[in-house]
C-alpha cells in the first residue's frame, strides 16, 4: 500500500445533515468502499465535535435549521480551519451553492446524485485535503528554519532571492566577498536548501505566506 493510500484510509468524511436517513445512507455508501465517516445531525454538533487536526472533508447540506450550511462554512473559515467542503443541494439551492463555491467550497452535488459520482468527488476532496496539509506542514517548517537566520543572513538571503551575485551583495552591504560566502553557506545550512534554486523557492513561499496573512 502506498503512503497516500494509507493516509486516505486515515481520513474521515464528516457528514452534516439534519435528515438522519440521508446522512446514514451516505455514510453506508462511503463505508462500503472503505472510507471512514462520522455523522453530525447539526452544524452545532459538528462545531462541538470536530478536531481541526483530523484529516478529511466535509459533506454538508445547504439547508438546515438554526445554522445553515453556508453559515457553518463562514464559521469554519472564521476559525481558520482548513477543510474541503462539498455541499449537497436541492434543485432550488443552486444559487446558494454558487455562493458557497465563491466562498471557498470545493464542490457541490445536486440531489438526486449518482453514487459513483459522490464517491469520486469525495475521494478527490480527501486527496486535496492531504495535499493541503502537507503543504501547510512544509510552510511551517520553512518559516521555522527562516526564524533561525540572523538579521544579516536574512538580508543576504533576500538579495540572493532577487538574483544578486556574491560580489554585488558584498558591495551593497559593505562586506567582503568572503564574508558573503560564509553567510550564504550558513543560510543554506539553516534552511536545509540543497541548491540556490531550492532556497529561492523557500523564500518565495515565505513571501507568499506573509502576503496572505496581511490580506
Protein backbone atom coordinates (compact mmCIF):
# COMPACT_ATOMS: atom_id res chain seq x y z
CA UNK A 1 0.00 0.00 0.00
CA UNK A 2 1.34 3.46 -0.95
CA UNK A 3 1.78 6.22 1.64
CA UNK A 4 -1.05 8.20 0.04
CA UNK A 5 -3.40 5.21 0.14
CA UNK A 6 -2.58 4.69 3.81
CA UNK A 7 -3.18 8.37 4.54
CA UNK A 8 -6.51 8.26 2.71
CA UNK A 9 -7.59 5.35 4.89
CA UNK A 10 -6.97 7.52 7.96
CA UNK A 11 -9.08 10.36 6.54
CA UNK A 12 -12.72 10.83 7.52
CA UNK A 13 -15.72 12.22 5.68
CA UNK A 14 -17.70 14.35 8.13
CA UNK A 15 -21.36 14.32 7.11
CA UNK A 16 -23.55 17.14 8.44
CA UNK A 17 -27.23 16.76 7.62
CA UNK A 18 -30.32 17.16 9.79
CA UNK A 19 -32.06 14.34 7.88
CA UNK A 20 -30.68 11.25 9.59
CA UNK A 21 -31.91 8.87 6.89
CA UNK A 22 -29.97 10.78 4.20
CA UNK A 23 -26.84 11.06 6.34
CA UNK A 24 -26.89 7.39 7.29
CA UNK A 25 -27.41 6.32 3.68
CA UNK A 26 -24.41 8.37 2.53
CA UNK A 27 -22.30 7.05 5.39
CA UNK A 28 -23.19 3.46 4.48
CA UNK A 29 -22.29 4.05 0.83
CA UNK A 30 -18.90 5.56 1.66
CA UNK A 31 -18.04 2.89 4.21
CA UNK A 32 -18.81 0.25 1.58
CA UNK A 33 -15.77 1.48 -0.37
CA UNK A 34 -13.53 1.76 2.68
CA UNK A 35 -13.99 5.45 3.51
CA UNK A 36 -14.36 6.36 7.18
CA UNK A 37 -17.32 8.54 8.09
CA UNK A 38 -18.68 10.49 11.05
CA UNK A 39 -22.24 11.81 11.07
CA UNK A 40 -23.46 15.00 12.74
CA UNK A 41 -27.12 15.97 12.89
CA UNK A 42 -26.49 19.71 13.05
CA UNK A 43 -23.88 22.38 12.41
CA UNK A 44 -23.58 22.99 16.15
CA UNK A 45 -22.85 19.31 16.77
CA UNK A 46 -20.09 19.41 14.18
CA UNK A 47 -18.51 22.53 15.69
CA UNK A 48 -18.53 20.86 19.10
CA UNK A 49 -17.14 17.55 17.90
CA UNK A 50 -14.64 18.30 15.14
CA UNK A 51 -10.90 18.31 15.85
CA UNK A 52 -9.05 20.54 13.33
CA UNK A 53 -6.05 18.20 13.18
CA UNK A 54 -8.27 15.39 11.86
CA UNK A 55 -7.78 14.91 8.09
CA UNK A 56 -10.78 14.56 5.85
CA UNK A 57 -13.51 16.54 4.14
CA UNK A 58 -16.95 17.87 4.98
CA UNK A 59 -20.12 16.74 3.21
CA UNK A 60 -22.59 19.45 4.10
CA UNK A 61 -26.29 20.03 3.45
CA UNK A 62 -27.05 23.61 2.41
CA UNK A 63 -30.43 23.90 4.14
CA UNK A 64 -30.53 23.05 7.84
CA UNK A 65 -32.46 24.56 10.76
CA UNK A 66 -30.81 27.01 13.18
CA UNK A 67 -27.42 27.19 11.41
CA UNK A 68 -27.42 26.63 7.65
CA UNK A 69 -24.61 25.06 5.66
CA UNK A 70 -23.49 28.48 4.42
CA UNK A 71 -23.40 29.82 7.97
CA UNK A 72 -21.35 26.82 9.07
CA UNK A 73 -18.95 27.41 6.18
CA UNK A 74 -18.44 31.02 7.35
CA UNK A 75 -17.84 29.85 10.92
CA UNK A 76 -15.28 27.28 9.78
CA UNK A 77 -13.47 29.99 7.82
CA UNK A 78 -13.51 32.38 10.79
CA UNK A 79 -11.93 29.68 12.98
CA UNK A 80 -9.14 29.18 10.46
CA UNK A 81 -9.97 25.54 9.84
CA UNK A 82 -8.80 24.16 6.51
CA UNK A 83 -11.26 21.51 5.39
CA UNK A 84 -12.56 20.83 1.87
CA UNK A 85 -16.34 21.24 1.77
CA UNK A 86 -18.73 19.52 -0.62
CA UNK A 87 -22.24 20.96 -0.43
CA UNK A 88 -25.33 18.83 -1.02
CA UNK A 89 -28.10 20.90 -2.59
CA UNK A 90 -31.66 20.57 -3.76
CA UNK A 91 -32.73 21.89 -7.15
CA UNK A 92 -33.68 25.31 -5.79
CA UNK A 93 -30.44 25.69 -3.87
CA UNK A 94 -28.06 26.05 -6.84
CA UNK A 95 -27.62 29.84 -6.37
CA UNK A 96 -26.69 29.15 -2.75
CA UNK A 97 -24.22 26.52 -3.90
CA UNK A 98 -22.64 29.02 -6.28
CA UNK A 99 -22.29 31.45 -3.36
CA UNK A 100 -20.66 28.68 -1.34
CA UNK A 101 -18.18 27.96 -4.13
CA UNK A 102 -17.26 31.63 -4.27
CA UNK A 103 -16.63 31.47 -0.52
CA UNK A 104 -14.17 28.62 -0.99
CA UNK A 105 -16.19 25.40 -1.10
CA UNK A 106 -14.57 22.57 -3.04
CA UNK A 107 -17.62 21.24 -4.85
CA UNK A 108 -21.38 20.78 -4.72
CA UNK A 109 -23.69 17.92 -5.59
CA UNK A 110 -27.30 18.38 -6.60
CA UNK A 111 -29.91 15.90 -5.39
CA UNK A 112 -30.53 13.26 -6.54
CA UNK A 113 -26.90 12.41 -7.14
CA UNK A 114 -25.21 9.36 -8.59
CA UNK A 115 -23.47 7.14 -6.04
CA UNK A 116 -20.31 6.73 -8.09
CA UNK A 117 -20.14 10.48 -8.69
CA UNK A 118 -20.42 11.13 -4.96
CA UNK A 119 -17.62 8.67 -4.23
CA UNK A 120 -15.41 10.18 -6.93
CA UNK A 121 -15.84 13.72 -5.66
CA UNK A 122 -15.31 12.69 -2.05
CA UNK A 123 -12.09 10.89 -2.95
CA UNK A 124 -10.89 13.99 -4.81
CA UNK A 125 -11.66 16.18 -1.78
CA UNK A 126 -9.80 13.80 0.55
CA UNK A 127 -6.77 13.87 -1.74
CA UNK A 128 -6.92 17.67 -1.82
CA UNK A 129 -7.02 17.80 1.98
CA UNK A 130 -3.93 15.60 2.29
CA UNK A 131 -2.09 17.78 -0.22
CA UNK A 132 -3.13 20.97 1.59
CA UNK A 133 -1.99 19.58 4.94
CA UNK A 134 1.36 18.50 3.50
CA UNK A 135 1.88 22.00 2.07
CA UNK A 136 0.93 23.58 5.41
CA UNK A 137 3.45 21.37 7.21
CA UNK A 138 6.12 22.32 4.69
CA UNK A 139 5.35 26.04 5.09
CA UNK A 140 5.59 25.79 8.89
CA UNK A 141 8.94 24.04 8.58
CA UNK A 142 10.28 26.69 6.20
CA UNK A 143 9.14 29.51 8.49
CA UNK A 144 10.77 27.84 11.49
CA UNK A 145 14.04 27.50 9.58
CA UNK A 146 13.84 31.10 8.41
CA UNK A 147 13.36 32.15 12.04
CA UNK A 148 16.82 30.74 12.81
CA UNK A 149 18.53 33.17 10.43
CA UNK A 150 20.22 36.27 11.80
CA UNK A 151 19.19 39.71 10.55
CA UNK A 152 22.26 39.86 8.32
CA UNK A 153 21.63 36.37 6.95
CA UNK A 154 18.08 37.40 6.06
CA UNK A 155 19.39 40.43 4.20
CA UNK A 156 21.79 38.26 2.22
CA UNK A 157 19.10 35.63 1.63
CA UNK A 158 16.70 38.11 0.06
CA UNK A 159 19.44 39.52 -2.12
CA UNK A 160 20.17 36.00 -3.32
CA UNK A 161 16.45 35.57 -3.93
CA UNK A 162 16.49 38.71 -6.09
CA UNK A 163 19.31 37.30 -8.21
CA UNK A 164 22.28 39.28 -6.92
CA UNK A 165 25.72 37.68 -7.15
CA UNK A 166 28.02 37.42 -4.12
CA UNK A 167 30.15 40.30 -5.39
CA UNK A 168 27.15 42.62 -5.77
CA UNK A 169 25.85 41.69 -2.31
CA UNK A 170 29.25 42.38 -0.79
CA UNK A 171 29.31 45.80 -2.43
CA UNK A 172 25.77 46.71 -1.33
CA UNK A 173 26.33 45.63 2.29
CA UNK A 174 29.94 46.87 2.55
CA UNK A 175 31.17 43.36 3.26
CA UNK A 176 33.98 41.27 1.87
CA UNK A 177 33.01 38.70 -0.72
CA UNK A 178 34.42 36.03 1.59
CA UNK A 179 32.04 37.14 4.37
CA UNK A 180 29.10 36.96 1.98
CA UNK A 181 30.14 33.43 1.01
CA UNK A 182 30.19 32.48 4.69
CA UNK A 183 26.72 33.97 5.22
CA UNK A 184 25.48 32.14 2.16
CA UNK A 185 26.82 28.83 3.46
CA UNK A 186 25.10 29.41 6.82
CA UNK A 187 21.83 30.31 5.11
CA UNK A 188 21.89 27.14 3.01
CA UNK A 189 22.66 25.03 6.08
CA UNK A 190 19.99 26.56 8.32
CA UNK A 191 17.33 26.49 5.60
CA UNK A 192 18.34 22.94 4.61
CA UNK A 193 18.43 24.08 0.99
CA UNK A 194 20.34 21.78 -1.36
CA UNK A 195 20.64 24.39 -4.09
CA UNK A 196 20.17 28.10 -4.71
CA UNK A 197 17.02 27.30 -6.69
CA UNK A 198 15.60 25.46 -3.66
CA UNK A 199 16.42 28.43 -1.42
CA UNK A 200 14.71 30.84 -3.82
CA UNK A 201 11.60 28.64 -3.80
CA UNK A 202 11.57 28.59 0.01
CA UNK A 203 11.86 32.37 0.22
CA UNK A 204 9.10 32.74 -2.36
CA UNK A 205 6.90 30.55 -0.15
CA UNK A 206 7.71 32.77 2.84
CA UNK A 207 6.81 35.92 0.90
CA UNK A 208 3.53 34.41 -0.29
CA UNK A 209 2.65 33.29 3.25
CA UNK A 210 3.41 36.72 4.71
CA UNK A 211 1.37 38.39 1.98
CA UNK A 212 -1.60 36.08 2.61
CA UNK A 213 -1.51 36.87 6.33
CA UNK A 214 -1.53 40.61 5.64
CA UNK A 215 -4.55 40.24 3.41
